[in-house]
Amino acid sequence: MMKLSFDAVEQLLARPCYLIDCLPEQVSADGTGQYFAAEEFWLAHPEFLDLKRRFTNLLLRLMCYYHIAMEWCGWHDQPSPDRVAAAIDTVLSHGEGTIDILFPEDDALLVLNGNDLYLSVYNPNAGMQQLMQAIARAEGLFWRDPC
């Protein structure tokens, strides 16, 4: 089993990364849409995307299948649903901070940054990818291949 540490997080950050996003594909840098205006609005008014609920439900569902450890104000091995929900609420409400979710038995990492509209998933195995895709879809989110 992987040791709960920042070294473990750093190692996983160098592995393949996938996204769980509110958009089905990356917006083209030279596109004519108004991505940055929409992003700014959503970050100022997160209730319109309801990301707190969606991300919380996604993590709670994953907790039903996997052992998780969360780094938010210290390491919490198998945190309670209340702690997970409080962390997500705080980080997204303030638009700052990071939550690292380690899957120590599966050598994977999920990261939520407070100023992002997506989750980054590092090194998920094939079974984990399939389950995360299904859960993301159930929450109205999109699984995107390596970032």
N, C-alpha and C. Protein backbone atom coordinates (compact mmCIF):
# COMPACT_ATOMS: atom_id res chain seq x y z
N MET A 1 0.85 -1.18 0.00
CA MET A 1 0.00 0.00 0.00
C MET A 1 0.89 1.24 0.00
N MET A 2 0.48 2.24 -0.72
CA MET A 2 1.21 3.50 -0.86
C MET A 2 1.18 4.27 0.47
N LYS A 3 2.31 4.88 0.81
CA LYS A 3 2.40 5.72 2.00
C LYS A 3 1.72 7.07 1.74
N LEU A 4 0.96 7.55 2.72
CA LEU A 4 0.29 8.84 2.60
C LEU A 4 1.31 9.95 2.82
N SER A 5 1.69 10.61 1.73
CA SER A 5 2.70 11.65 1.85
C SER A 5 2.66 12.56 0.63
N PHE A 6 3.29 13.71 0.78
CA PHE A 6 3.40 14.62 -0.35
C PHE A 6 4.31 14.03 -1.42
N ASP A 7 5.27 13.18 -1.02
CA ASP A 7 6.12 12.51 -2.01
C ASP A 7 5.29 11.61 -2.92
N ALA A 8 4.33 10.90 -2.33
CA ALA A 8 3.44 10.03 -3.13
C ALA A 8 2.64 10.87 -4.11
N VAL A 9 2.15 12.02 -3.65
CA VAL A 9 1.39 12.92 -4.52
C VAL A 9 2.29 13.40 -5.66
N GLU A 10 3.49 13.85 -5.34
CA GLU A 10 4.42 14.35 -6.36
C GLU A 10 4.73 13.29 -7.41
N GLN A 11 4.92 12.05 -6.99
CA GLN A 11 5.19 10.97 -7.94
C GLN A 11 4.00 10.75 -8.87
N LEU A 12 2.81 10.78 -8.33
CA LEU A 12 1.62 10.54 -9.15
C LEU A 12 1.34 11.70 -10.10
N LEU A 13 1.73 12.91 -9.74
CA LEU A 13 1.51 14.06 -10.62
C LEU A 13 2.28 13.95 -11.93
N ALA A 14 3.28 13.08 -11.97
CA ALA A 14 4.06 12.87 -13.20
C ALA A 14 3.46 11.75 -14.06
N ARG A 15 2.39 11.12 -13.62
CA ARG A 15 1.79 9.99 -14.33
C ARG A 15 0.70 10.50 -15.28
N PRO A 16 0.15 9.61 -16.12
CA PRO A 16 -0.93 10.02 -17.04
C PRO A 16 -2.10 10.66 -16.28
N CYS A 17 -2.65 11.71 -16.88
CA CYS A 17 -3.70 12.49 -16.25
C CYS A 17 -4.95 12.52 -17.13
N TYR A 18 -6.11 12.38 -16.50
CA TYR A 18 -7.40 12.48 -17.16
C TYR A 18 -8.18 13.59 -16.46
N LEU A 19 -9.22 14.08 -17.10
CA LEU A 19 -10.05 15.12 -16.50
C LEU A 19 -11.49 14.65 -16.35
N ILE A 20 -12.11 15.09 -15.28
CA ILE A 20 -13.55 15.01 -15.11
C ILE A 20 -13.99 16.46 -15.16
N ASP A 21 -14.70 16.83 -16.21
CA ASP A 21 -14.91 18.24 -16.55
C ASP A 21 -16.39 18.55 -16.73
N CYS A 22 -16.72 19.83 -16.66
CA CYS A 22 -18.09 20.27 -16.93
C CYS A 22 -18.32 20.45 -18.43
N LEU A 23 -17.25 20.42 -19.23
CA LEU A 23 -17.35 20.54 -20.69
C LEU A 23 -16.89 19.24 -21.34
N PRO A 24 -17.53 18.81 -22.43
CA PRO A 24 -17.20 17.53 -23.04
C PRO A 24 -15.87 17.48 -23.78
N GLU A 25 -15.32 18.63 -24.15
CA GLU A 25 -14.03 18.65 -24.83
C GLU A 25 -13.35 19.99 -24.56
N GLN A 26 -12.03 20.01 -24.80
CA GLN A 26 -11.28 21.24 -24.59
C GLN A 26 -11.73 22.31 -25.57
N VAL A 27 -11.84 23.52 -25.08
CA VAL A 27 -12.22 24.66 -25.91
C VAL A 27 -10.98 25.09 -26.69
N SER A 28 -11.15 25.31 -27.98
CA SER A 28 -10.06 25.74 -28.84
C SER A 28 -9.57 27.13 -28.44
N ALA A 29 -8.26 27.29 -28.38
CA ALA A 29 -7.68 28.59 -28.02
C ALA A 29 -8.05 29.68 -29.02
N ASP A 30 -8.26 29.30 -30.27
CA ASP A 30 -8.61 30.29 -31.28
C ASP A 30 -10.10 30.27 -31.63
N GLY A 31 -10.90 29.67 -30.77
CA GLY A 31 -12.34 29.59 -31.01
C GLY A 31 -13.02 30.94 -30.86
N THR A 32 -14.23 31.02 -31.35
CA THR A 32 -14.98 32.28 -31.30
C THR A 32 -15.96 32.32 -30.12
N GLY A 33 -15.97 31.26 -29.32
CA GLY A 33 -16.88 31.24 -28.17
C GLY A 33 -16.42 32.16 -27.06
N GLN A 34 -17.19 32.17 -25.99
CA GLN A 34 -16.92 33.05 -24.85
C GLN A 34 -16.54 32.24 -23.62
N TYR A 35 -15.60 31.32 -23.79
CA TYR A 35 -15.21 30.44 -22.69
C TYR A 35 -14.78 31.23 -21.45
N PHE A 36 -13.88 32.19 -21.61
CA PHE A 36 -13.35 32.89 -20.45
C PHE A 36 -14.43 33.69 -19.72
N ALA A 37 -15.38 34.24 -20.44
CA ALA A 37 -16.49 34.96 -19.81
C ALA A 37 -17.36 33.97 -19.02
N ALA A 38 -17.63 32.80 -19.62
CA ALA A 38 -18.43 31.79 -18.93
C ALA A 38 -17.68 31.26 -17.70
N GLU A 39 -16.39 30.99 -17.86
CA GLU A 39 -15.59 30.48 -16.74
C GLU A 39 -15.59 31.49 -15.59
N GLU A 40 -15.37 32.75 -15.89
CA GLU A 40 -15.36 33.79 -14.86
C GLU A 40 -16.71 33.85 -14.15
N PHE A 41 -17.79 33.74 -14.90
CA PHE A 41 -19.13 33.76 -14.31
C PHE A 41 -19.32 32.56 -13.39
N TRP A 42 -18.97 31.36 -13.89
CA TRP A 42 -19.14 30.14 -13.08
C TRP A 42 -18.30 30.17 -11.81
N LEU A 43 -17.08 30.70 -11.90
CA LEU A 43 -16.24 30.77 -10.71
C LEU A 43 -16.80 31.77 -9.70
N ALA A 44 -17.42 32.83 -10.18
CA ALA A 44 -18.03 33.81 -9.29
C ALA A 44 -19.39 33.34 -8.75
N HIS A 45 -20.07 32.50 -9.52
CA HIS A 45 -21.41 32.00 -9.16
C HIS A 45 -21.46 30.48 -9.34
N PRO A 46 -20.75 29.73 -8.48
CA PRO A 46 -20.64 28.28 -8.68
C PRO A 46 -21.96 27.53 -8.61
N GLU A 47 -22.98 28.16 -8.02
CA GLU A 47 -24.26 27.47 -7.92
C GLU A 47 -24.88 27.17 -9.29
N PHE A 48 -24.48 27.92 -10.30
CA PHE A 48 -25.06 27.68 -11.62
C PHE A 48 -24.56 26.39 -12.25
N LEU A 49 -23.36 25.96 -11.90
CA LEU A 49 -22.86 24.66 -12.37
C LEU A 49 -23.11 23.57 -11.33
N ASP A 50 -23.37 23.97 -10.10
CA ASP A 50 -23.63 23.04 -9.02
C ASP A 50 -22.47 22.06 -8.84
N LEU A 51 -21.24 22.55 -9.00
CA LEU A 51 -20.08 21.68 -8.91
C LEU A 51 -19.87 21.11 -7.52
N LYS A 52 -20.22 21.86 -6.49
CA LYS A 52 -20.06 21.32 -5.13
C LYS A 52 -20.81 20.01 -4.99
N ARG A 53 -22.07 20.04 -5.40
CA ARG A 53 -22.90 18.83 -5.28
C ARG A 53 -22.35 17.72 -6.17
N ARG A 54 -22.04 18.06 -7.42
CA ARG A 54 -21.58 17.05 -8.37
C ARG A 54 -20.26 16.42 -7.92
N PHE A 55 -19.29 17.25 -7.53
CA PHE A 55 -17.99 16.72 -7.10
C PHE A 55 -18.12 15.94 -5.80
N THR A 56 -18.94 16.43 -4.88
CA THR A 56 -19.15 15.72 -3.62
C THR A 56 -19.78 14.36 -3.87
N ASN A 57 -20.84 14.32 -4.69
CA ASN A 57 -21.48 13.04 -4.99
C ASN A 57 -20.52 12.08 -5.67
N LEU A 58 -19.71 12.59 -6.59
CA LEU A 58 -18.74 11.75 -7.28
C LEU A 58 -17.77 11.12 -6.27
N LEU A 59 -17.23 11.93 -5.38
CA LEU A 59 -16.27 11.40 -4.40
C LEU A 59 -16.94 10.45 -3.41
N LEU A 60 -18.15 10.76 -2.99
CA LEU A 60 -18.84 9.85 -2.06
C LEU A 60 -19.11 8.51 -2.74
N ARG A 61 -19.46 8.54 -4.01
CA ARG A 61 -19.66 7.28 -4.74
C ARG A 61 -18.36 6.50 -4.86
N LEU A 62 -17.27 7.20 -5.14
CA LEU A 62 -15.98 6.52 -5.23
C LEU A 62 -15.58 5.91 -3.89
N MET A 63 -15.93 6.59 -2.79
CA MET A 63 -15.63 6.07 -1.46
C MET A 63 -16.34 4.75 -1.18
N CYS A 64 -17.42 4.49 -1.89
CA CYS A 64 -18.12 3.21 -1.72
C CYS A 64 -17.31 2.05 -2.30
N TYR A 65 -16.42 2.33 -3.24
CA TYR A 65 -15.66 1.30 -3.94
C TYR A 65 -14.19 1.25 -3.57
N TYR A 66 -13.63 2.39 -3.15
CA TYR A 66 -12.18 2.49 -2.96
C TYR A 66 -11.84 3.06 -1.59
N HIS A 67 -10.70 2.61 -1.10
CA HIS A 67 -10.09 3.23 0.09
C HIS A 67 -9.50 4.56 -0.38
N ILE A 68 -9.86 5.65 0.29
CA ILE A 68 -9.29 6.94 -0.07
C ILE A 68 -8.63 7.57 1.16
N ALA A 69 -7.68 8.43 0.87
CA ALA A 69 -7.06 9.28 1.88
C ALA A 69 -7.08 10.69 1.31
N MET A 70 -7.41 11.66 2.13
CA MET A 70 -7.57 13.03 1.65
C MET A 70 -6.57 13.94 2.35
N GLU A 71 -5.89 14.76 1.56
CA GLU A 71 -5.01 15.78 2.12
C GLU A 71 -5.72 17.12 1.98
N TRP A 72 -6.20 17.59 3.09
CA TRP A 72 -6.82 18.90 3.21
C TRP A 72 -6.74 19.26 4.69
N CYS A 73 -5.92 20.24 5.00
CA CYS A 73 -5.64 20.58 6.40
C CYS A 73 -5.10 19.35 7.14
N GLY A 74 -4.16 18.68 6.51
CA GLY A 74 -3.57 17.45 7.05
C GLY A 74 -4.15 16.23 6.36
N TRP A 75 -3.49 15.10 6.57
CA TRP A 75 -3.94 13.85 5.96
C TRP A 75 -5.06 13.22 6.77
N HIS A 76 -6.07 12.72 6.07
CA HIS A 76 -7.20 12.03 6.70
C HIS A 76 -7.39 10.71 5.97
N ASP A 77 -7.05 9.62 6.64
CA ASP A 77 -7.23 8.30 6.05
C ASP A 77 -8.69 7.89 6.21
N GLN A 78 -9.32 7.54 5.12
CA GLN A 78 -10.73 7.19 5.08
C GLN A 78 -11.59 8.28 5.77
N PRO A 79 -11.55 9.49 5.23
CA PRO A 79 -12.31 10.59 5.83
C PRO A 79 -13.81 10.33 5.79
N SER A 80 -14.51 10.95 6.71
CA SER A 80 -15.96 10.80 6.75
C SER A 80 -16.57 11.57 5.58
N PRO A 81 -17.77 11.18 5.16
CA PRO A 81 -18.47 11.94 4.12
C PRO A 81 -18.62 13.41 4.49
N ASP A 82 -18.87 13.71 5.76
CA ASP A 82 -18.99 15.10 6.20
C ASP A 82 -17.70 15.88 5.96
N ARG A 83 -16.56 15.26 6.24
CA ARG A 83 -15.27 15.93 6.05
C ARG A 83 -15.01 16.18 4.57
N VAL A 84 -15.33 15.20 3.73
CA VAL A 84 -15.15 15.35 2.28
C VAL A 84 -16.03 16.50 1.77
N ALA A 85 -17.29 16.50 2.17
CA ALA A 85 -18.21 17.55 1.73
C ALA A 85 -17.76 18.92 2.22
N ALA A 86 -17.28 19.01 3.47
CA ALA A 86 -16.82 20.29 4.01
C ALA A 86 -15.59 20.79 3.25
N ALA A 87 -14.68 19.89 2.91
CA ALA A 87 -13.48 20.28 2.17
C ALA A 87 -13.85 20.84 0.81
N ILE A 88 -14.71 20.14 0.09
CA ILE A 88 -15.11 20.58 -1.25
C ILE A 88 -15.85 21.92 -1.16
N ASP A 89 -16.75 22.03 -0.20
CA ASP A 89 -17.50 23.28 -0.03
C ASP A 89 -16.54 24.44 0.24
N THR A 90 -15.60 24.26 1.13
CA THR A 90 -14.66 25.33 1.49
C THR A 90 -13.79 25.73 0.31
N VAL A 91 -13.20 24.75 -0.36
CA VAL A 91 -12.28 25.04 -1.47
C VAL A 91 -13.02 25.72 -2.63
N LEU A 92 -14.19 25.21 -2.99
CA LEU A 92 -14.91 25.81 -4.11
C LEU A 92 -15.57 27.15 -3.72
N SER A 93 -15.99 27.30 -2.48
CA SER A 93 -16.60 28.56 -2.06
C SER A 93 -15.60 29.70 -2.05
N HIS A 94 -14.37 29.39 -1.68
CA HIS A 94 -13.34 30.43 -1.60
C HIS A 94 -12.52 30.54 -2.88
N GLY A 95 -12.69 29.59 -3.79
CA GLY A 95 -11.95 29.64 -5.05
C GLY A 95 -10.45 29.52 -4.88
N GLU A 96 -10.03 28.88 -3.82
CA GLU A 96 -8.60 28.69 -3.59
C GLU A 96 -8.37 27.44 -2.75
N GLY A 97 -7.15 26.96 -2.78
CA GLY A 97 -6.80 25.76 -2.05
C GLY A 97 -6.88 24.55 -2.95
N THR A 98 -6.35 23.45 -2.45
CA THR A 98 -6.30 22.20 -3.20
C THR A 98 -6.67 21.05 -2.28
N ILE A 99 -7.39 20.10 -2.82
CA ILE A 99 -7.69 18.85 -2.13
C ILE A 99 -7.04 17.74 -2.94
N ASP A 100 -6.21 16.95 -2.30
CA ASP A 100 -5.62 15.76 -2.93
C ASP A 100 -6.31 14.54 -2.36
N ILE A 101 -6.82 13.70 -3.24
CA ILE A 101 -7.45 12.44 -2.83
C ILE A 101 -6.57 11.31 -3.36
N LEU A 102 -5.91 10.61 -2.45
CA LEU A 102 -5.10 9.45 -2.83
C LEU A 102 -5.96 8.19 -2.76
N PHE A 103 -5.73 7.32 -3.70
CA PHE A 103 -6.29 5.97 -3.69
C PHE A 103 -5.09 5.07 -3.41
N PRO A 104 -4.72 4.92 -2.13
CA PRO A 104 -3.44 4.29 -1.80
C PRO A 104 -3.30 2.84 -2.25
N GLU A 105 -4.38 2.10 -2.34
CA GLU A 105 -4.30 0.71 -2.76
C GLU A 105 -4.29 0.57 -4.28
N ASP A 106 -4.58 1.67 -4.99
CA ASP A 106 -4.68 1.64 -6.44
C ASP A 106 -3.66 2.54 -7.13
N ASP A 107 -2.80 3.18 -6.34
CA ASP A 107 -1.73 4.03 -6.89
C ASP A 107 -2.29 5.09 -7.83
N ALA A 108 -3.35 5.78 -7.38
CA ALA A 108 -4.00 6.83 -8.19
C ALA A 108 -4.23 8.06 -7.31
N LEU A 109 -4.48 9.18 -7.99
CA LEU A 109 -4.66 10.45 -7.31
C LEU A 109 -5.74 11.26 -8.03
N LEU A 110 -6.59 11.91 -7.26
CA LEU A 110 -7.59 12.84 -7.79
C LEU A 110 -7.31 14.19 -7.14
N VAL A 111 -7.29 15.26 -7.94
CA VAL A 111 -6.96 16.59 -7.42
C VAL A 111 -8.07 17.57 -7.78
N LEU A 112 -8.48 18.36 -6.78
CA LEU A 112 -9.42 19.45 -6.98
C LEU A 112 -8.74 20.74 -6.56
N ASN A 113 -8.58 21.65 -7.49
CA ASN A 113 -8.09 22.99 -7.19
C ASN A 113 -9.29 23.92 -7.10
N GLY A 114 -9.28 24.81 -6.13
CA GLY A 114 -10.42 25.67 -5.88
C GLY A 114 -10.80 26.61 -7.00
N ASN A 115 -9.88 26.88 -7.91
CA ASN A 115 -10.20 27.80 -9.01
C ASN A 115 -10.35 27.07 -10.34
N ASP A 116 -10.62 25.76 -10.28
CA ASP A 116 -10.82 24.97 -11.49
C ASP A 116 -12.26 24.47 -11.58
N LEU A 117 -12.70 24.23 -12.80
CA LEU A 117 -14.04 23.70 -13.04
C LEU A 117 -13.98 22.22 -13.39
N TYR A 118 -12.90 21.57 -13.01
CA TYR A 118 -12.69 20.15 -13.33
C TYR A 118 -11.89 19.49 -12.23
N LEU A 119 -11.88 18.16 -12.27
CA LEU A 119 -11.03 17.35 -11.41
C LEU A 119 -9.95 16.72 -12.28
N SER A 120 -8.75 16.63 -11.76
CA SER A 120 -7.66 15.94 -12.45
C SER A 120 -7.49 14.57 -11.80
N VAL A 121 -7.38 13.53 -12.63
CA VAL A 121 -7.24 12.17 -12.13
C VAL A 121 -5.94 11.60 -12.71
N TYR A 122 -5.02 11.24 -11.82
CA TYR A 122 -3.71 10.75 -12.24
C TYR A 122 -3.59 9.25 -12.02
N ASN A 123 -3.15 8.57 -13.05
CA ASN A 123 -2.79 7.15 -13.02
C ASN A 123 -3.93 6.19 -12.67
N PRO A 124 -5.16 6.44 -13.11
CA PRO A 124 -6.22 5.47 -12.80
C PRO A 124 -6.05 4.21 -13.66
N ASN A 125 -6.25 3.05 -13.05
CA ASN A 125 -6.19 1.82 -13.83
C ASN A 125 -7.46 1.70 -14.68
N ALA A 126 -7.50 0.71 -15.55
CA ALA A 126 -8.61 0.59 -16.51
C ALA A 126 -9.97 0.45 -15.81
N GLY A 127 -10.03 -0.34 -14.75
CA GLY A 127 -11.28 -0.50 -14.03
C GLY A 127 -11.74 0.78 -13.36
N MET A 128 -10.79 1.51 -12.79
CA MET A 128 -11.10 2.78 -12.15
C MET A 128 -11.57 3.79 -13.19
N GLN A 129 -10.94 3.81 -14.35
CA GLN A 129 -11.36 4.71 -15.42
C GLN A 129 -12.81 4.44 -15.82
N GLN A 130 -13.13 3.18 -15.98
CA GLN A 130 -14.49 2.81 -16.40
C GLN A 130 -15.51 3.25 -15.36
N LEU A 131 -15.22 3.01 -14.08
CA LEU A 131 -16.15 3.39 -13.02
C LEU A 131 -16.26 4.91 -12.92
N MET A 132 -15.13 5.61 -13.00
CA MET A 132 -15.16 7.07 -12.92
C MET A 132 -15.93 7.67 -14.09
N GLN A 133 -15.81 7.09 -15.26
CA GLN A 133 -16.57 7.57 -16.43
C GLN A 133 -18.06 7.44 -16.16
N ALA A 134 -18.48 6.29 -15.63
CA ALA A 134 -19.90 6.06 -15.36
C ALA A 134 -20.42 7.02 -14.29
N ILE A 135 -19.65 7.23 -13.23
CA ILE A 135 -20.08 8.12 -12.16
C ILE A 135 -20.11 9.56 -12.66
N ALA A 136 -19.10 9.97 -13.41
CA ALA A 136 -19.07 11.33 -13.97
C ALA A 136 -20.30 11.56 -14.83
N ARG A 137 -20.61 10.61 -15.68
CA ARG A 137 -21.78 10.72 -16.57
C ARG A 137 -23.06 10.86 -15.74
N ALA A 138 -23.17 10.08 -14.66
CA ALA A 138 -24.37 10.14 -13.81
C ALA A 138 -24.50 11.52 -13.14
N GLU A 139 -23.38 12.20 -12.95
CA GLU A 139 -23.40 13.53 -12.33
C GLU A 139 -23.43 14.66 -13.36
N GLY A 140 -23.62 14.32 -14.63
CA GLY A 140 -23.67 15.35 -15.66
C GLY A 140 -22.31 15.94 -15.99
N LEU A 141 -21.26 15.17 -15.74
CA LEU A 141 -19.89 15.59 -16.02
C LEU A 141 -19.32 14.73 -17.15
N PHE A 142 -18.15 15.10 -17.63
CA PHE A 142 -17.56 14.43 -18.79
C PHE A 142 -16.17 13.94 -18.45
N TRP A 143 -15.86 12.71 -18.86
CA TRP A 143 -14.52 12.13 -18.73
C TRP A 143 -13.74 12.49 -19.97
N ARG A 144 -12.57 13.04 -19.77
CA ARG A 144 -11.73 13.43 -20.90
C ARG A 144 -10.40 12.72 -20.82
N ASP A 145 -9.93 12.26 -21.98
CA ASP A 145 -8.66 11.53 -22.05
C ASP A 145 -7.48 12.40 -21.66
N PRO A 146 -6.32 11.80 -21.60
CA PRO A 146 -5.14 12.44 -20.99
C PRO A 146 -4.98 13.92 -21.33
N CYS A 147 -4.66 14.66 -20.26
CA CYS A 147 -4.47 16.11 -20.41
C CYS A 147 -3.01 16.43 -20.68
